[in-house]
Amino acid sequence: MRLPAEYMPEIDELPGDLARIAAAIDDALPGRGVELTLIIAQVFPGQPLYIRNIEYLIRRRRDDAIRDRYDQGGVTMLALACEYQLSLARIKQILAVPGEKEEEGKQLKLFA
């Protein structure tokens, strides 16, 4: 059930973590934080809600950006490591052939 605008609370009127959720949503989608938070609250009423970490999604996008920059040329692995604040070893792992296991890759390169 959607609340009419005159009944819509302010972010600071929401209880507990709902205010934090609404504020975070409002940062990304101005003016929609309370509305979307109330939808979440209606879908999961009174339930503890575990919100999974999405770092792997962000990391995947970062890794794709690193590969794209390297493939375009004109940038070294060391420069990428500095730019993305990663170790040189991590940059090498990211630039390795997708799906190739690190140990197998080392063996193949060693004897190729």
PDB file of N, CA and C in Angstrom:
ATOM      1  N   MET A   1       0.850  -1.181   0.000  1.00  0.00           N
ATOM      2  CA  MET A   1       0.000   0.000   0.000  1.00  0.00           C
ATOM      3  C   MET A   1       0.892   1.239   0.000  1.00  0.00           C
ATOM      4  N   ARG A   2       0.643   2.113  -0.881  1.00  0.00           N
ATOM      5  CA  ARG A   2       1.422   3.357  -0.956  1.00  0.00           C
ATOM      6  C   ARG A   2       0.706   4.451  -0.182  1.00  0.00           C
ATOM      7  N   LEU A   3       1.505   5.202   0.552  1.00  0.00           N
ATOM      8  CA  LEU A   3       0.931   6.301   1.330  1.00  0.00           C
ATOM      9  C   LEU A   3       0.773   7.543   0.466  1.00  0.00           C
ATOM     10  N   PRO A   4      -0.328   8.268   0.645  1.00  0.00           N
ATOM     11  CA  PRO A   4      -0.455   9.549  -0.051  1.00  0.00           C
ATOM     12  C   PRO A   4       0.634  10.506   0.446  1.00  0.00           C
ATOM     13  N   ALA A   5       0.972  11.477  -0.365  1.00  0.00           N
ATOM     14  CA  ALA A   5       2.060  12.412  -0.053  1.00  0.00           C
ATOM     15  C   ALA A   5       1.878  13.072   1.302  1.00  0.00           C
ATOM     16  N   GLU A   6       0.630  13.400   1.671  1.00  0.00           N
ATOM     17  CA  GLU A   6       0.420  14.102   2.958  1.00  0.00           C
ATOM     18  C   GLU A   6       0.706  13.218   4.171  1.00  0.00           C
ATOM     19  N   TYR A   7       0.760  11.901   3.987  1.00  0.00           N
ATOM     20  CA  TYR A   7       1.059  10.978   5.086  1.00  0.00           C
ATOM     21  C   TYR A   7       2.500  10.472   5.066  1.00  0.00           C
ATOM     22  N   MET A   8       3.251  10.860   4.052  1.00  0.00           N
ATOM     23  CA  MET A   8       4.631  10.397   3.909  1.00  0.00           C
ATOM     24  C   MET A   8       5.496  11.040   4.996  1.00  0.00           C
ATOM     25  N   PRO A   9       6.164  10.230   5.830  1.00  0.00           N
ATOM     26  CA  PRO A   9       7.009  10.791   6.888  1.00  0.00           C
ATOM     27  C   PRO A   9       8.308  11.361   6.317  1.00  0.00           C
ATOM     28  N   GLU A  10       8.989  12.132   7.123  1.00  0.00           N
ATOM     29  CA  GLU A  10      10.330  12.612   6.787  1.00  0.00           C
ATOM     30  C   GLU A  10      11.318  11.498   7.151  1.00  0.00           C
ATOM     31  N   ILE A  11      12.503  11.569   6.603  1.00  0.00           N
ATOM     32  CA  ILE A  11      13.510  10.538   6.886  1.00  0.00           C
ATOM     33  C   ILE A  11      13.761  10.398   8.373  1.00  0.00           C
ATOM     34  N   ASP A  12      13.905  11.519   9.072  1.00  0.00           N
ATOM     35  CA  ASP A  12      14.231  11.452  10.507  1.00  0.00           C
ATOM     36  C   ASP A  12      13.062  10.954  11.357  1.00  0.00           C
ATOM     37  N   GLU A  13      11.879  10.793  10.781  1.00  0.00           N
ATOM     38  CA  GLU A  13      10.738  10.240  11.502  1.00  0.00           C
ATOM     39  C   GLU A  13      10.687   8.711  11.414  1.00  0.00           C
ATOM     40  N   LEU A  14      11.492   8.127  10.543  1.00  0.00           N
ATOM     41  CA  LEU A  14      11.506   6.672  10.405  1.00  0.00           C
ATOM     42  C   LEU A  14      12.266   6.045  11.564  1.00  0.00           C
ATOM     43  N   PRO A  15      11.817   4.891  12.036  1.00  0.00           N
ATOM     44  CA  PRO A  15      12.478   4.250  13.177  1.00  0.00           C
ATOM     45  C   PRO A  15      13.767   3.516  12.799  1.00  0.00           C
ATOM     46  N   GLY A  16      14.726   3.553  13.693  1.00  0.00           N
ATOM     47  CA  GLY A  16      15.943   2.749  13.599  1.00  0.00           C
ATOM     48  C   GLY A  16      16.669   2.804  12.274  1.00  0.00           C
ATOM     49  N   ASP A  17      17.010   1.625  11.783  1.00  0.00           N
ATOM     50  CA  ASP A  17      17.794   1.515  10.548  1.00  0.00           C
ATOM     51  C   ASP A  17      17.018   1.954   9.309  1.00  0.00           C
ATOM     52  N   LEU A  18      15.697   2.045   9.414  1.00  0.00           N
ATOM     53  CA  LEU A  18      14.933   2.494   8.249  1.00  0.00           C
ATOM     54  C   LEU A  18      15.339   3.912   7.853  1.00  0.00           C
ATOM     55  N   ALA A  19      15.669   4.738   8.831  1.00  0.00           N
ATOM     56  CA  ALA A  19      16.114   6.106   8.530  1.00  0.00           C
ATOM     57  C   ALA A  19      17.443   6.068   7.777  1.00  0.00           C
ATOM     58  N   ARG A  20      18.347   5.184   8.176  1.00  0.00           N
ATOM     59  CA  ARG A  20      19.637   5.060   7.479  1.00  0.00           C
ATOM     60  C   ARG A  20      19.445   4.564   6.054  1.00  0.00           C
ATOM     61  N   ILE A  21      18.565   3.591   5.872  1.00  0.00           N
ATOM     62  CA  ILE A  21      18.286   3.065   4.537  1.00  0.00           C
ATOM     63  C   ILE A  21      17.687   4.159   3.658  1.00  0.00           C
ATOM     64  N   ALA A  22      16.719   4.879   4.201  1.00  0.00           N
ATOM     65  CA  ALA A  22      16.068   5.946   3.445  1.00  0.00           C
ATOM     66  C   ALA A  22      17.066   7.033   3.056  1.00  0.00           C
ATOM     67  N   ALA A  23      17.955   7.394   3.968  1.00  0.00           N
ATOM     68  CA  ALA A  23      18.951   8.434   3.684  1.00  0.00           C
ATOM     69  C   ALA A  23      19.900   7.972   2.578  1.00  0.00           C
ATOM     70  N   ALA A  24      20.320   6.715   2.622  1.00  0.00           N
ATOM     71  CA  ALA A  24      21.225   6.181   1.592  1.00  0.00           C
ATOM     72  C   ALA A  24      20.539   6.150   0.236  1.00  0.00           C
ATOM     73  N   ILE A  25      19.288   5.720   0.202  1.00  0.00           N
ATOM     74  CA  ILE A  25      18.546   5.693  -1.061  1.00  0.00           C
ATOM     75  C   ILE A  25      18.335   7.119  -1.566  1.00  0.00           C
ATOM     76  N   ASP A  26      18.031   8.016  -0.654  1.00  0.00           N
ATOM     77  CA  ASP A  26      17.787   9.404  -1.034  1.00  0.00           C
ATOM     78  C   ASP A  26      19.035  10.066  -1.619  1.00  0.00           C
ATOM     79  N   ASP A  27      20.207   9.640  -1.170  1.00  0.00           N
ATOM     80  CA  ASP A  27      21.454  10.165  -1.751  1.00  0.00           C
ATOM     81  C   ASP A  27      21.574   9.766  -3.220  1.00  0.00           C
ATOM     82  N   ALA A  28      21.189   8.529  -3.516  1.00  0.00           N
ATOM     83  CA  ALA A  28      21.298   8.024  -4.886  1.00  0.00           C
ATOM     84  C   ALA A  28      20.110   8.441  -5.752  1.00  0.00           C
ATOM     85  N   LEU A  29      18.945   8.470  -5.155  1.00  0.00           N
ATOM     86  CA  LEU A  29      17.714   8.821  -5.870  1.00  0.00           C
ATOM     87  C   LEU A  29      16.974   9.898  -5.078  1.00  0.00           C
ATOM     88  N   PRO A  30      17.390  11.146  -5.223  1.00  0.00           N
ATOM     89  CA  PRO A  30      16.801  12.230  -4.409  1.00  0.00           C
ATOM     90  C   PRO A  30      15.271  12.240  -4.462  1.00  0.00           C
ATOM     91  N   GLY A  31      14.695  12.342  -3.271  1.00  0.00           N
ATOM     92  CA  GLY A  31      13.244  12.403  -3.152  1.00  0.00           C
ATOM     93  C   GLY A  31      12.538  11.060  -3.113  1.00  0.00           C
ATOM     94  N   ARG A  32      13.279   9.967  -3.283  1.00  0.00           N
ATOM     95  CA  ARG A  32      12.656   8.643  -3.326  1.00  0.00           C
ATOM     96  C   ARG A  32      12.983   7.780  -2.112  1.00  0.00           C
ATOM     97  N   GLY A  33      13.870   8.248  -1.225  1.00  0.00           N
ATOM     98  CA  GLY A  33      14.355   7.444  -0.114  1.00  0.00           C
ATOM     99  C   GLY A  33      13.273   6.896   0.785  1.00  0.00           C
ATOM    100  N   VAL A  34      12.388   7.763   1.255  1.00  0.00           N
ATOM    101  CA  VAL A  34      11.332   7.328   2.173  1.00  0.00           C
ATOM    102  C   VAL A  34      10.369   6.384   1.467  1.00  0.00           C
ATOM    103  N   GLU A  35       9.954   6.753   0.273  1.00  0.00           N
ATOM    104  CA  GLU A  35       9.008   5.929  -0.484  1.00  0.00           C
ATOM    105  C   GLU A  35       9.540   4.506  -0.686  1.00  0.00           C
ATOM    106  N   LEU A  36      10.773   4.376  -1.161  1.00  0.00           N
ATOM    107  CA  LEU A  36      11.331   3.053  -1.426  1.00  0.00           C
ATOM    108  C   LEU A  36      11.608   2.281  -0.134  1.00  0.00           C
ATOM    109  N   THR A  37      12.005   2.991   0.908  1.00  0.00           N
ATOM    110  CA  THR A  37      12.240   2.332   2.196  1.00  0.00           C
ATOM    111  C   THR A  37      10.940   1.772   2.767  1.00  0.00           C
ATOM    112  N   LEU A  38       9.847   2.511   2.608  1.00  0.00           N
ATOM    113  CA  LEU A  38       8.556   2.013   3.090  1.00  0.00           C
ATOM    114  C   LEU A  38       8.112   0.782   2.309  1.00  0.00           C
ATOM    115  N   ILE A  39       8.447   0.708   1.033  1.00  0.00           N
ATOM    116  CA  ILE A  39       8.134  -0.497   0.247  1.00  0.00           C
ATOM    117  C   ILE A  39       8.911  -1.687   0.805  1.00  0.00           C
ATOM    118  N   ILE A  40      10.196  -1.475   1.097  1.00  0.00           N
ATOM    119  CA  ILE A  40      11.012  -2.550   1.685  1.00  0.00           C
ATOM    120  C   ILE A  40      10.418  -2.984   3.022  1.00  0.00           C
ATOM    121  N   ALA A  41      10.029  -2.009   3.834  1.00  0.00           N
ATOM    122  CA  ALA A  41       9.461  -2.312   5.158  1.00  0.00           C
ATOM    123  C   ALA A  41       8.148  -3.091   5.027  1.00  0.00           C
ATOM    124  N   GLN A  42       7.384  -2.844   3.980  1.00  0.00           N
ATOM    125  CA  GLN A  42       6.130  -3.565   3.783  1.00  0.00           C
ATOM    126  C   GLN A  42       6.367  -4.978   3.268  1.00  0.00           C
ATOM    127  N   VAL A  43       7.409  -5.167   2.476  1.00  0.00           N
ATOM    128  CA  VAL A  43       7.722  -6.493   1.947  1.00  0.00           C
ATOM    129  C   VAL A  43       8.292  -7.392   3.050  1.00  0.00           C
ATOM    130  N   PHE A  44       9.079  -6.804   3.962  1.00  0.00           N
ATOM    131  CA  PHE A  44       9.720  -7.567   5.042  1.00  0.00           C
ATOM    132  C   PHE A  44       9.291  -7.045   6.413  1.00  0.00           C
ATOM    133  N   PRO A  45       8.004  -7.048   6.731  1.00  0.00           N
ATOM    134  CA  PRO A  45       7.534  -6.445   7.979  1.00  0.00           C
ATOM    135  C   PRO A  45       8.036  -7.190   9.224  1.00  0.00           C
ATOM    136  N   GLY A  46       8.749  -6.472  10.077  1.00  0.00           N
ATOM    137  CA  GLY A  46       9.194  -7.036  11.352  1.00  0.00           C
ATOM    138  C   GLY A  46      10.263  -8.098  11.251  1.00  0.00           C
ATOM    139  N   GLN A  47      10.769  -8.360  10.070  1.00  0.00           N
ATOM    140  CA  GLN A  47      11.764  -9.408   9.883  1.00  0.00           C
ATOM    141  C   GLN A  47      13.172  -8.821   9.970  1.00  0.00           C
ATOM    142  N   PRO A  48      14.068  -9.573  10.587  1.00  0.00           N
ATOM    143  CA  PRO A  48      15.466  -9.132  10.498  1.00  0.00           C
ATOM    144  C   PRO A  48      15.903  -9.301   9.041  1.00  0.00           C
ATOM    145  N   LEU A  49      16.564  -8.317   8.517  1.00  0.00           N
ATOM    146  CA  LEU A  49      16.925  -8.338   7.107  1.00  0.00           C
ATOM    147  C   LEU A  49      18.431  -8.321   6.980  1.00  0.00           C
ATOM    148  N   TYR A  50      18.992  -9.359   6.403  1.00  0.00           N
ATOM    149  CA  TYR A  50      20.423  -9.441   6.166  1.00  0.00           C
ATOM    150  C   TYR A  50      20.695  -8.911   4.770  1.00  0.00           C
ATOM    151  N   ILE A  51      21.484  -7.867   4.685  1.00  0.00           N
ATOM    152  CA  ILE A  51      21.814  -7.297   3.385  1.00  0.00           C
ATOM    153  C   ILE A  51      23.218  -7.744   3.034  1.00  0.00           C
ATOM    154  N   ARG A  52      23.311  -8.519   1.981  1.00  0.00           N
ATOM    155  CA  ARG A  52      24.594  -9.094   1.571  1.00  0.00           C
ATOM    156  C   ARG A  52      25.535  -8.016   1.069  1.00  0.00           C
ATOM    157  N   ASN A  53      26.806  -8.297   1.212  1.00  0.00           N
ATOM    158  CA  ASN A  53      27.846  -7.413   0.714  1.00  0.00           C
ATOM    159  C   ASN A  53      27.905  -7.527  -0.810  1.00  0.00           C
ATOM    160  N   ILE A  54      27.976  -6.402  -1.484  1.00  0.00           N
ATOM    161  CA  ILE A  54      28.033  -6.418  -2.950  1.00  0.00           C
ATOM    162  C   ILE A  54      29.417  -6.030  -3.458  1.00  0.00           C
ATOM    163  N   GLU A  55      30.399  -6.126  -2.613  1.00  0.00           N
ATOM    164  CA  GLU A  55      31.759  -5.750  -2.994  1.00  0.00           C
ATOM    165  C   GLU A  55      32.226  -6.491  -4.249  1.00  0.00           C
ATOM    166  N   TYR A  56      31.805  -7.731  -4.404  1.00  0.00           N
ATOM    167  CA  TYR A  56      32.230  -8.504  -5.579  1.00  0.00           C
ATOM    168  C   TYR A  56      31.731  -7.862  -6.877  1.00  0.00           C
ATOM    169  N   LEU A  57      30.560  -7.217  -6.844  1.00  0.00           N
ATOM    170  CA  LEU A  57      30.055  -6.542  -8.040  1.00  0.00           C
ATOM    171  C   LEU A  57      30.897  -5.308  -8.368  1.00  0.00           C
ATOM    172  N   ILE A  58      31.250  -4.572  -7.339  1.00  0.00           N
ATOM    173  CA  ILE A  58      32.072  -3.383  -7.517  1.00  0.00           C
ATOM    174  C   ILE A  58      33.461  -3.784  -7.984  1.00  0.00           C
ATOM    175  N   ARG A  59      34.004  -4.844  -7.398  1.00  0.00           N
ATOM    176  CA  ARG A  59      35.330  -5.332  -7.762  1.00  0.00           C
ATOM    177  C   ARG A  59      35.357  -5.808  -9.219  1.00  0.00           C
ATOM    178  N   ARG A  60      34.292  -6.474  -9.654  1.00  0.00           N
ATOM    179  CA  ARG A  60      34.221  -6.951 -11.031  1.00  0.00           C
ATOM    180  C   ARG A  60      34.253  -5.770 -12.006  1.00  0.00           C
ATOM    181  N   ARG A  61      33.529  -4.711 -11.693  1.00  0.00           N
ATOM    182  CA  ARG A  61      33.518  -3.515 -12.554  1.00  0.00           C
ATOM    183  C   ARG A  61      34.899  -2.862 -12.575  1.00  0.00           C
ATOM    184  N   ARG A  62      35.545  -2.778 -11.408  1.00  0.00           N
ATOM    185  CA  ARG A  62      36.886  -2.202 -11.328  1.00  0.00           C
ATOM    186  C   ARG A  62      37.868  -3.024 -12.152  1.00  0.00           C
ATOM    187  N   ASP A  63      37.800  -4.345 -12.034  1.00  0.00           N
ATOM    188  CA  ASP A  63      38.706  -5.215 -12.774  1.00  0.00           C
ATOM    189  C   ASP A  63      38.512  -5.079 -14.285  1.00  0.00           C
ATOM    190  N   ASP A  64      37.259  -4.955 -14.718  1.00  0.00           N
ATOM    191  CA  ASP A  64      36.992  -4.749 -16.148  1.00  0.00           C
ATOM    192  C   ASP A  64      37.580  -3.425 -16.625  1.00  0.00           C
ATOM    193  N   ALA A  65      37.477  -2.390 -15.809  1.00  0.00           N
ATOM    194  CA  ALA A  65      38.034  -1.076 -16.159  1.00  0.00           C
ATOM    195  C   ALA A  65      39.556  -1.157 -16.266  1.00  0.00           C
ATOM    196  N   ILE A  66      40.177  -1.901 -15.369  1.00  0.00           N
ATOM    197  CA  ILE A  66      41.639  -2.078 -15.408  1.00  0.00           C
ATOM    198  C   ILE A  66      42.039  -2.803 -16.697  1.00  0.00           C
ATOM    199  N   ARG A  67      41.319  -3.879 -17.041  1.00  0.00           N
ATOM    200  CA  ARG A  67      41.631  -4.614 -18.274  1.00  0.00           C
ATOM    201  C   ARG A  67      41.455  -3.731 -19.507  1.00  0.00           C
ATOM    202  N   ASP A  68      40.378  -2.957 -19.527  1.00  0.00           N
ATOM    203  CA  ASP A  68      40.134  -2.064 -20.666  1.00  0.00           C
ATOM    204  C   ASP A  68      41.254  -1.044 -20.823  1.00  0.00           C
ATOM    205  N   ARG A  69      41.673  -0.437 -19.714  1.00  0.00           N
ATOM    206  CA  ARG A  69      42.745   0.562 -19.771  1.00  0.00           C
ATOM    207  C   ARG A  69      44.036  -0.063 -20.268  1.00  0.00           C
ATOM    208  N   TYR A  70      44.339  -1.260 -19.779  1.00  0.00           N
ATOM    209  CA  TYR A  70      45.581  -1.930 -20.177  1.00  0.00           C
ATOM    210  C   TYR A  70      45.531  -2.323 -21.654  1.00  0.00           C
ATOM    211  N   ASP A  71      44.374  -2.822 -22.102  1.00  0.00           N
ATOM    212  CA  ASP A  71      44.222  -3.247 -23.497  1.00  0.00           C
ATOM    213  C   ASP A  71      44.320  -2.079 -24.478  1.00  0.00           C
ATOM    214  N   GLN A  72      43.949  -0.891 -24.045  1.00  0.00           N
ATOM    215  CA  GLN A  72      44.041   0.293 -24.901  1.00  0.00           C
ATOM    216  C   GLN A  72      45.485   0.711 -25.125  1.00  0.00           C
ATOM    217  N   GLY A  73      46.359   0.261 -24.234  1.00  0.00           N
ATOM    218  CA  GLY A  73      47.780   0.578 -24.351  1.00  0.00           C
ATOM    219  C   GLY A  73      48.120   1.928 -23.741  1.00  0.00           C
ATOM    220  N   GLY A  74      49.419   2.184 -23.672  1.00  0.00           N
ATOM    221  CA  GLY A  74      49.876   3.462 -23.145  1.00  0.00           C
ATOM    222  C   GLY A  74      49.904   3.555 -21.634  1.00  0.00           C
ATOM    223  N   VAL A  75      49.654   2.451 -20.947  1.00  0.00           N
ATOM    224  CA  VAL A  75      49.686   2.467 -19.484  1.00  0.00           C
ATOM    225  C   VAL A  75      50.383   1.189 -19.007  1.00  0.00           C
ATOM    226  N   THR A  76      51.200   1.342 -18.003  1.00  0.00           N
ATOM    227  CA  THR A  76      51.915   0.187 -17.466  1.00  0.00           C
ATOM    228  C   THR A  76      51.138  -0.431 -16.318  1.00  0.00           C
ATOM    229  N   MET A  77      51.510  -1.663 -15.992  1.00  0.00           N
ATOM    230  CA  MET A  77      50.885  -2.319 -14.850  1.00  0.00           C
ATOM    231  C   MET A  77      51.180  -1.555 -13.564  1.00  0.00           C
ATOM    232  N   LEU A  78      52.381  -1.012 -13.452  1.00  0.00           N
ATOM    233  CA  LEU A  78      52.746  -0.248 -12.262  1.00  0.00           C
ATOM    234  C   LEU A  78      51.884   1.009 -12.145  1.00  0.00           C
ATOM    235  N   ALA A  79      51.636   1.682 -13.254  1.00  0.00           N
ATOM    236  CA  ALA A  79      50.787   2.875 -13.234  1.00  0.00           C
ATOM    237  C   ALA A  79      49.362   2.518 -12.812  1.00  0.00           C
ATOM    238  N   LEU A  80      48.864   1.379 -13.311  1.00  0.00           N
ATOM    239  CA  LEU A  80      47.524   0.933 -12.915  1.00  0.00           C
ATOM    240  C   LEU A  80      47.478   0.596 -11.428  1.00  0.00           C
ATOM    241  N   ALA A  81      48.525  -0.031 -10.928  1.00  0.00           N
ATOM    242  CA  ALA A  81      48.586  -0.365  -9.504  1.00  0.00           C
ATOM    243  C   ALA A  81      48.515   0.901  -8.660  1.00  0.00           C
ATOM    244  N   CYS A  82      49.237   1.926  -9.065  1.00  0.00           N
ATOM    245  CA  CYS A  82      49.214   3.197  -8.329  1.00  0.00           C
ATOM    246  C   CYS A  82      47.844   3.860  -8.426  1.00  0.00           C
ATOM    247  N   GLU A  83      47.299   3.900  -9.625  1.00  0.00           N
ATOM    248  CA  GLU A  83      46.009   4.567  -9.839  1.00  0.00           C
ATOM    249  C   GLU A  83      44.883   3.918  -9.037  1.00  0.00           C
ATOM    250  N   TYR A  84      44.846   2.596  -9.029  1.00  0.00           N
ATOM    251  CA  TYR A  84      43.761   1.880  -8.351  1.00  0.00           C
ATOM    252  C   TYR A  84      44.119   1.465  -6.927  1.00  0.00           C
ATOM    253  N   GLN A  85      45.289   1.888  -6.477  1.00  0.00           N
ATOM    254  CA  GLN A  85      45.780   1.589  -5.123  1.00  0.00           C
ATOM    255  C   GLN A  85      45.744   0.088  -4.828  1.00  0.00           C
ATOM    256  N   LEU A  86      46.304  -0.669  -5.778  1.00  0.00           N
ATOM    257  CA  LEU A  86      46.422  -2.119  -5.650  1.00  0.00           C
ATOM    258  C   LEU A  86      47.886  -2.501  -5.777  1.00  0.00           C
ATOM    259  N   SER A  87      48.217  -3.700  -5.349  1.00  0.00           N
ATOM    260  CA  SER A  87      49.585  -4.174  -5.506  1.00  0.00           C
ATOM    261  C   SER A  87      49.822  -4.572  -6.962  1.00  0.00           C
ATOM    262  N   LEU A  88      51.076  -4.581  -7.342  1.00  0.00           N
ATOM    263  CA  LEU A  88      51.434  -4.998  -8.689  1.00  0.00           C
ATOM    264  C   LEU A  88      51.025  -6.456  -8.919  1.00  0.00           C
ATOM    265  N   ALA A  89      51.171  -7.278  -7.887  1.00  0.00           N
ATOM    266  CA  ALA A  89      50.775  -8.689  -7.993  1.00  0.00           C
ATOM    267  C   ALA A  89      49.269  -8.803  -8.273  1.00  0.00           C
ATOM    268  N   ARG A  90      48.462  -7.967  -7.626  1.00  0.00           N
ATOM    269  CA  ARG A  90      47.011  -8.016  -7.850  1.00  0.00           C
ATOM    270  C   ARG A  90      46.664  -7.568  -9.272  1.00  0.00           C
ATOM    271  N   ILE A  91      47.342  -6.548  -9.767  1.00  0.00           N
ATOM    272  CA  ILE A  91      47.118  -6.103 -11.138  1.00  0.00           C
ATOM    273  C   ILE A  91      47.446  -7.235 -12.111  1.00  0.00           C
ATOM    274  N   LYS A  92      48.539  -7.946 -11.862  1.00  0.00           N
ATOM    275  CA  LYS A  92      48.905  -9.074 -12.728  1.00  0.00           C
ATOM    276  C   LYS A  92      47.828 -10.160 -12.687  1.00  0.00           C
ATOM    277  N   GLN A  93      47.262 -10.408 -11.515  1.00  0.00           N
ATOM    278  CA  GLN A  93      46.184 -11.401 -11.412  1.00  0.00           C
ATOM    279  C   GLN A  93      44.964 -10.960 -12.211  1.00  0.00           C
ATOM    280  N   ILE A  94      44.632  -9.693 -12.119  1.00  0.00           N
ATOM    281  CA  ILE A  94      43.460  -9.170 -12.829  1.00  0.00           C
ATOM    282  C   ILE A  94      43.662  -9.268 -14.335  1.00  0.00           C
ATOM    283  N   LEU A  95      44.886  -9.023 -14.798  1.00  0.00           N
ATOM    284  CA  LEU A  95      45.166  -9.033 -16.228  1.00  0.00           C
ATOM    285  C   LEU A  95      45.411 -10.432 -16.786  1.00  0.00           C
ATOM    286  N   ALA A  96      45.451 -11.439 -15.920  1.00  0.00           N
ATOM    287  CA  ALA A  96      45.646 -12.822 -16.371  1.00  0.00           C
ATOM    288  C   ALA A  96      44.455 -13.245 -17.217  1.00  0.00           C
ATOM    289  N   VAL A  97      44.639 -14.283 -18.004  1.00  0.00           N
ATOM    290  CA  VAL A  97      43.567 -14.788 -18.865  1.00  0.00           C
ATOM    291  C   VAL A  97      42.398 -15.229 -17.989  1.00  0.00           C
ATOM    292  N   PRO A  98      41.179 -14.739 -18.246  1.00  0.00           N
ATOM    293  CA  PRO A  98      40.021 -15.124 -17.431  1.00  0.00           C
ATOM    294  C   PRO A  98      39.808 -16.633 -17.439  1.00  0.00           C
ATOM    295  N   GLY A  99      39.516 -17.179 -16.260  1.00  0.00           N
ATOM    296  CA  GLY A  99      39.240 -18.597 -16.146  1.00  0.00           C
ATOM    297  C   GLY A  99      40.478 -19.454 -15.978  1.00  0.00           C
ATOM    298  N   GLU A 100      41.642 -18.885 -16.191  1.00  0.00           N
ATOM    299  CA  GLU A 100      42.879 -19.648 -16.036  1.00  0.00           C
ATOM    300  C   GLU A 100      43.266 -19.642 -14.560  1.00  0.00           C
ATOM    301  N   LYS A 101      43.465 -20.798 -14.003  1.00  0.00           N
ATOM    302  CA  LYS A 101      43.868 -20.877 -12.605  1.00  0.00           C
ATOM    303  C   LYS A 101      45.290 -20.383 -12.481  1.00  0.00           C
ATOM    304  N   GLU A 102      45.526 -19.672 -11.389  1.00  0.00           N
ATOM    305  CA  GLU A 102      46.835 -19.042 -11.218  1.00  0.00           C
ATOM    306  C   GLU A 102      47.970 -20.056 -11.266  1.00  0.00           C
ATOM    307  N   GLU A 103      47.822 -21.172 -10.595  1.00  0.00           N
ATOM    308  CA  GLU A 103      48.898 -22.168 -10.564  1.00  0.00           C
ATOM    309  C   GLU A 103      49.128 -22.776 -11.944  1.00  0.00           C
ATOM    310  N   GLU A 104      48.021 -23.088 -12.646  1.00  0.00           N
ATOM    311  CA  GLU A 104      48.165 -23.651 -13.982  1.00  0.00           C
ATOM    312  C   GLU A 104      48.831 -22.646 -14.905  1.00  0.00           C
ATOM    313  N   GLY A 105      48.454 -21.379 -14.762  1.00  0.00           N
ATOM    314  CA  GLY A 105      49.033 -20.333 -15.592  1.00  0.00           C
ATOM    315  C   GLY A 105      50.533 -20.217 -15.385  1.00  0.00           C
ATOM    316  N   LYS A 106      50.975 -20.324 -14.137  1.00  0.00           N
ATOM    317  CA  LYS A 106      52.406 -20.246 -13.852  1.00  0.00           C
ATOM    318  C   LYS A 106      53.142 -21.432 -14.472  1.00  0.00           C
ATOM    319  N   GLN A 107      52.541 -22.621 -14.363  1.00  0.00           N
ATOM    320  CA  GLN A 107      53.184 -23.808 -14.915  1.00  0.00           C
ATOM    321  C   GLN A 107      53.289 -23.705 -16.428  1.00  0.00           C
ATOM    322  N   LEU A 108      52.218 -23.292 -17.068  1.00  0.00           N
ATOM    323  CA  LEU A 108      52.235 -23.204 -18.517  1.00  0.00           C
ATOM    324  C   LEU A 108      53.266 -22.191 -18.995  1.00  0.00           C
ATOM    325  N   LYS A 109      53.317 -21.062 -18.331  1.00  0.00           N
ATOM    326  CA  LYS A 109      54.268 -20.031 -18.725  1.00  0.00           C
ATOM    327  C   LYS A 109      55.706 -20.449 -18.453  1.00  0.00           C
ATOM    328  N   LEU A 110      55.890 -21.239 -17.406  1.00  0.00           N
ATOM    329  CA  LEU A 110      57.211 -21.674 -17.032  1.00  0.00           C
ATOM    330  C   LEU A 110      57.806 -22.610 -18.083  1.00  0.00           C
ATOM    331  N   PHE A 111      56.969 -23.501 -18.637  1.00  0.00           N
ATOM    332  CA  PHE A 111      57.459 -24.504 -19.567  1.00  0.00           C
ATOM    333  C   PHE A 111      57.125 -24.219 -21.025  1.00  0.00           C
ATOM    334  N   ALA A 112      56.455 -23.128 -21.295  1.00  0.00           N
ATOM    335  CA  ALA A 112      56.054 -22.823 -22.683  1.00  0.00           C
ATOM    336  C   ALA A 112      57.201 -22.257 -23.481  1.00  0.00           C
TER     337      ALA A 112
END
